[in-house]
Protein backbone atom coordinates (compact mmCIF):
# COMPACT_ATOMS: atom_id res chain seq x y z
CA MET A 1 -0.06 0.00 -0.17
CA GLY A 2 1.29 2.77 -0.52
CA VAL A 3 0.48 6.77 1.28
CA VAL A 4 0.08 10.55 0.31
CA TYR A 5 0.20 12.77 3.10
CA LEU A 6 -1.84 15.53 2.16
CA VAL A 7 -0.67 18.76 4.41
CA ARG A 8 -2.61 21.96 4.93
CA HIS A 9 -0.49 24.99 4.37
CA GLY A 10 0.19 27.18 7.58
CA GLN A 11 -1.11 30.28 9.15
CA ALA A 12 -0.95 32.19 6.26
CA SER A 13 -0.88 36.34 6.77
CA PHE A 14 -4.67 36.86 7.90
CA GLY A 15 -5.23 40.85 7.68
CA ALA A 16 -2.40 42.00 6.20
CA ALA A 17 -1.86 43.21 2.22
CA ASP A 18 -0.18 40.11 0.97
CA TYR A 19 -2.63 36.94 2.35
CA ASP A 20 -0.07 34.34 0.54
CA GLN A 21 2.73 34.87 2.93
CA LEU A 22 3.20 32.42 6.20
CA SER A 23 2.86 33.93 9.42
CA GLU A 24 5.70 33.60 12.53
CA THR A 25 2.89 31.46 13.59
CA GLY A 26 3.09 29.76 10.64
CA VAL A 27 6.74 28.93 10.06
CA ALA A 28 6.33 27.41 13.65
CA GLN A 29 3.30 25.26 12.91
CA ALA A 30 5.26 23.85 9.52
CA ARG A 31 8.58 23.41 11.99
CA VAL A 32 6.19 21.52 14.45
CA LEU A 33 4.57 18.89 12.03
CA GLY A 34 8.09 18.24 10.58
CA GLU A 35 9.74 17.67 14.04
CA THR A 36 6.69 15.45 14.60
CA LEU A 37 7.59 13.13 10.90
CA ARG A 38 10.93 12.53 11.60
CA SER A 39 9.63 9.57 13.82
CA ARG A 40 6.71 8.44 11.84
CA LEU A 41 7.77 9.17 8.11
CA PRO A 42 10.62 6.98 7.25
CA ARG A 43 11.23 8.35 3.62
CA ALA A 44 9.09 10.23 1.26
CA ASP A 45 9.36 9.40 -2.46
CA ALA A 46 7.88 12.32 -3.54
CA VAL A 47 7.19 16.23 -2.71
CA VAL A 48 4.43 17.92 -4.22
CA THR A 49 3.76 21.24 -3.77
CA GLY A 50 0.49 23.83 -5.28
CA THR A 51 2.20 26.87 -6.76
CA LEU A 52 1.29 29.32 -3.77
CA VAL A 53 3.79 30.91 -1.46
CA ARG A 54 2.31 29.68 1.22
CA HIS A 55 2.43 26.34 -0.04
CA ARG A 56 6.06 26.74 -0.81
CA GLN A 57 7.10 27.88 2.57
CA THR A 58 4.75 25.18 4.38
CA ALA A 59 7.31 22.36 2.79
CA ASP A 60 10.60 24.48 3.40
CA ALA A 61 9.98 24.91 6.65
CA CYS A 62 8.54 20.78 7.29
CA LEU A 63 10.98 19.39 5.16
CA ALA A 64 13.82 21.31 7.07
CA ALA A 65 13.13 20.05 10.70
CA LEU A 66 12.09 17.06 9.13
CA LYS A 67 15.87 16.69 7.34
CA CYS A 68 14.24 15.67 4.18
CA ASP A 69 16.55 16.53 0.88
CA VAL A 70 13.92 15.09 -1.69
CA PRO A 71 13.25 17.66 -4.67
CA GLN A 72 10.06 19.38 -4.46
CA ARG A 73 7.37 19.71 -7.18
CA ARG A 74 5.27 22.24 -8.46
CA SER A 75 1.77 21.56 -9.30
CA LYS A 76 -0.90 23.57 -9.91
CA GLY A 77 -3.66 20.76 -9.70
CA PHE A 78 -3.08 21.44 -5.89
CA ASP A 79 -3.71 25.04 -5.78
CA GLU A 80 -6.80 26.24 -3.79
CA PHE A 81 -9.74 28.21 -5.45
CA ASP A 82 -9.79 32.01 -5.92
CA MET A 83 -11.41 33.08 -2.81
CA ASP A 84 -11.20 36.86 -4.05
CA GLU A 85 -13.41 35.99 -6.37
CA ILE A 86 -15.71 34.10 -4.86
CA ILE A 87 -15.72 37.10 -2.38
CA VAL A 88 -16.53 39.76 -4.18
CA ARG A 89 -19.25 37.69 -6.49
CA HIS A 90 -20.72 37.46 -3.21
CA GLU A 91 -20.64 40.53 -2.49
CA PRO A 92 -19.59 42.70 -5.26
CA ARG A 93 -18.92 46.46 -3.32
CA TYR A 94 -15.82 44.24 -1.93
CA GLU A 95 -13.97 44.30 -5.16
CA ASP A 96 -12.67 46.96 -3.61
CA ARG A 97 -10.87 45.31 -1.05
CA THR A 98 -9.80 48.40 1.29
CA LEU A 99 -13.38 48.25 2.12
CA LEU A 100 -13.45 44.40 2.70
CA MET A 101 -10.56 44.71 4.68
CA GLN A 102 -11.87 48.13 6.59
CA ASP A 103 -15.38 46.40 7.16
CA ILE A 104 -13.54 42.80 8.70
CA ALA A 105 -10.83 45.01 11.04
CA GLY A 106 -14.13 46.61 11.68
CA ALA A 107 -16.31 43.48 13.64
CA THR A 108 -16.45 43.18 17.06
CA GLU A 109 -14.42 40.07 16.50
CA PRO A 110 -12.68 39.87 12.70
CA ARG A 111 -11.92 36.29 12.60
CA ARG A 112 -15.71 35.45 13.06
CA ALA A 113 -17.06 38.19 11.08
CA PHE A 114 -14.53 36.74 7.70
CA GLN A 115 -15.54 33.23 8.29
CA ALA A 116 -19.38 34.37 7.95
CA LEU A 117 -18.53 36.15 4.78
CA PHE A 118 -16.62 33.38 3.49
CA THR A 119 -18.98 30.45 4.43
CA GLU A 120 -22.01 32.37 2.35
CA ALA A 121 -19.74 33.18 -0.26
CA VAL A 122 -18.78 29.50 -0.64
CA ALA A 123 -22.31 28.19 -0.59
CA ARG A 124 -23.16 30.40 -3.25
CA TRP A 125 -20.09 29.72 -5.11
CA VAL A 126 -21.06 25.50 -4.62
CA GLY A 127 -24.92 25.81 -4.54
CA GLY A 128 -24.35 25.37 -8.70
CA GLY A 129 -27.16 28.04 -9.77
CA PHE A 130 -24.35 31.01 -10.61
CA ASP A 131 -21.37 28.67 -12.52
CA ASP A 132 -21.60 30.72 -15.38
CA GLU A 133 -19.80 34.07 -13.20
CA TYR A 134 -16.98 31.79 -12.04
CA THR A 135 -13.27 31.32 -13.93
CA GLU A 136 -13.51 27.98 -11.98
CA PRO A 137 -16.80 26.63 -11.05
CA TRP A 138 -16.90 24.24 -7.62
CA PRO A 139 -17.01 21.07 -10.50
CA VAL A 140 -14.38 22.45 -12.41
CA PHE A 141 -12.35 22.52 -9.55
CA ARG A 142 -13.23 19.83 -7.81
CA ASP A 143 -12.61 17.49 -10.67
CA ARG A 144 -9.04 19.47 -10.83
CA CYS A 145 -8.00 18.37 -7.08
CA ILE A 146 -9.18 14.54 -8.05
CA ARG A 147 -7.23 14.67 -11.30
CA ALA A 148 -3.77 15.76 -9.68
CA MET A 149 -4.77 13.08 -6.47
CA ASP A 150 -4.87 10.31 -9.42
CA GLU A 151 -2.31 11.77 -11.52
CA LEU A 152 0.60 12.08 -8.68
CA ILE A 153 -1.03 8.06 -7.31
CA ARG A 154 -0.55 7.01 -10.96
CA GLU A 155 3.13 8.91 -10.86
CA LEU A 156 3.93 7.03 -7.67
CA GLY A 157 3.54 3.28 -8.61
CA ALA A 158 3.05 0.92 -5.63
CA SER A 159 4.01 1.23 -2.21
CA LYS A 160 5.14 4.96 -2.44
CA ASN A 161 5.10 7.65 0.29
CA ALA A 162 4.31 10.96 -1.37
CA LEU A 163 4.11 14.64 1.09
CA VAL A 164 1.60 17.07 -0.73
CA PHE A 165 1.81 20.76 0.43
CA THR A 166 -1.98 22.32 -0.25
CA SER A 167 -4.90 24.28 1.02
CA GLY A 168 -8.19 23.21 2.58
CA GLY A 169 -9.82 23.11 -0.63
CA PRO A 170 -8.34 20.54 -2.40
CA ILE A 171 -7.91 18.39 0.97
CA THR A 172 -11.64 19.31 1.04
CA ALA A 173 -12.59 18.48 -2.12
CA ILE A 174 -10.61 14.74 -2.49
CA CYS A 175 -12.16 13.99 1.11
CA GLN A 176 -15.66 14.79 -0.12
CA ASP A 177 -14.80 12.26 -3.41
CA LEU A 178 -13.80 9.12 -0.90
CA LEU A 179 -16.55 9.68 1.40
CA ARG A 180 -19.15 9.77 -0.96
CA ILE A 181 -20.25 13.25 0.80
CA PRO A 182 -22.76 15.59 -1.45
CA ASP A 183 -21.45 19.21 -2.71
CA GLU A 184 -24.17 21.20 0.18
CA HIS A 185 -22.21 19.11 2.76
CA ALA A 186 -19.20 19.47 1.28
CA PHE A 187 -17.45 22.71 3.20
CA ARG A 188 -18.88 21.40 6.71
CA LEU A 189 -15.22 19.32 6.03
CA ASN A 190 -13.53 22.45 5.16
CA THR A 191 -14.00 24.43 8.32
CA ALA A 192 -12.95 21.68 10.44
CA LEU A 193 -8.79 21.70 8.95
CA ALA A 194 -6.25 22.72 11.10
CA ASN A 195 -3.12 24.82 9.95
CA CYS A 196 -0.74 22.23 8.88
CA GLY A 197 -3.07 19.47 9.63
CA VAL A 198 -2.24 16.14 8.19
CA THR A 199 -4.95 13.53 5.93
CA LYS A 200 -3.40 10.61 5.13
CA VAL A 201 -4.84 9.21 1.89
CA VAL A 202 -3.92 5.03 1.27
CA TYR A 203 -3.70 3.70 -1.91
CA SER A 204 -2.51 0.94 -3.88
CA GLU A 205 -3.63 -0.54 -7.35
CA ARG A 206 -7.37 -1.51 -6.70
CA THR A 207 -8.99 1.41 -4.53
CA ARG A 208 -8.10 3.91 -1.67
CA PHE A 209 -9.05 5.30 0.86
CA LEU A 210 -9.31 8.08 3.75
CA SER A 211 -7.33 6.47 6.59
CA THR A 212 -6.84 9.85 8.68
CA MET A 213 -8.49 13.15 8.22
CA ASN A 214 -7.34 16.78 9.74
CA GLU A 215 -4.36 15.05 12.38
CA HIS A 216 -2.85 17.84 14.23
CA GLY A 217 -2.84 16.07 17.71
CA PHE A 218 0.68 17.32 17.76
CA PHE A 219 0.06 21.00 18.73
CA GLU A 220 -2.01 20.20 21.79
CA GLY A 221 -0.41 19.95 25.43
CA THR A 222 2.32 21.90 25.54
CA GLN A 223 2.21 23.48 21.87
CA ARG A 224 -1.16 24.17 22.18
CA ALA A 225 -0.90 28.15 21.38
CA LEU A 226 0.06 27.16 17.75
CA LEU A 227 -3.09 25.50 17.08
CA THR A 228 -5.25 28.01 14.15
CA TYR A 229 -7.98 27.18 11.87
CA ARG A 230 -7.52 30.29 8.93
């Protein structure tokens, strides 16, 4: 049996001008993950990342702590959906990003306010009633992520291990497919995904199954301050 470990990126820079950068917490999360993997991952036959900066930064910090020198390969198939577009299609006035940031910053609980907006925007995207308005409608995104997973497993061959550094959206799409969850419930998975959480997919020539999802116990106890979800 082979294994693909899907790693959600570390905490990005929420509220900053450039979200696509790890925060200090995000870098620390990736290092702790790498240290944790030393005792359980005897080798990595392949390392794949999406093309976003936060994917690569998570991989770099994790692999340095893991002491793994396997070359990284980029794959757009594991990139996140366009969150900015999805929010603007839901609320057109947020095409002015400054206005969005002002509204979120002015909320009593900015992270909760953004999560509520994000949930509504994603529900519209996944709902299927406005597919013609999106550059990448939900079915196209979902199929792109599943295809990236299929291609990786095919390239790996039998009994190999791969680390994939990606985002919550692709992990959600892949888990939805494996668990046969209806579209309208898929993003319930997404809201539970911790930064640097690990989802383990086991595969063989005949089948594949979800072994564990969103494993993040290494951030409990003395490392609890590193447990984040956005």
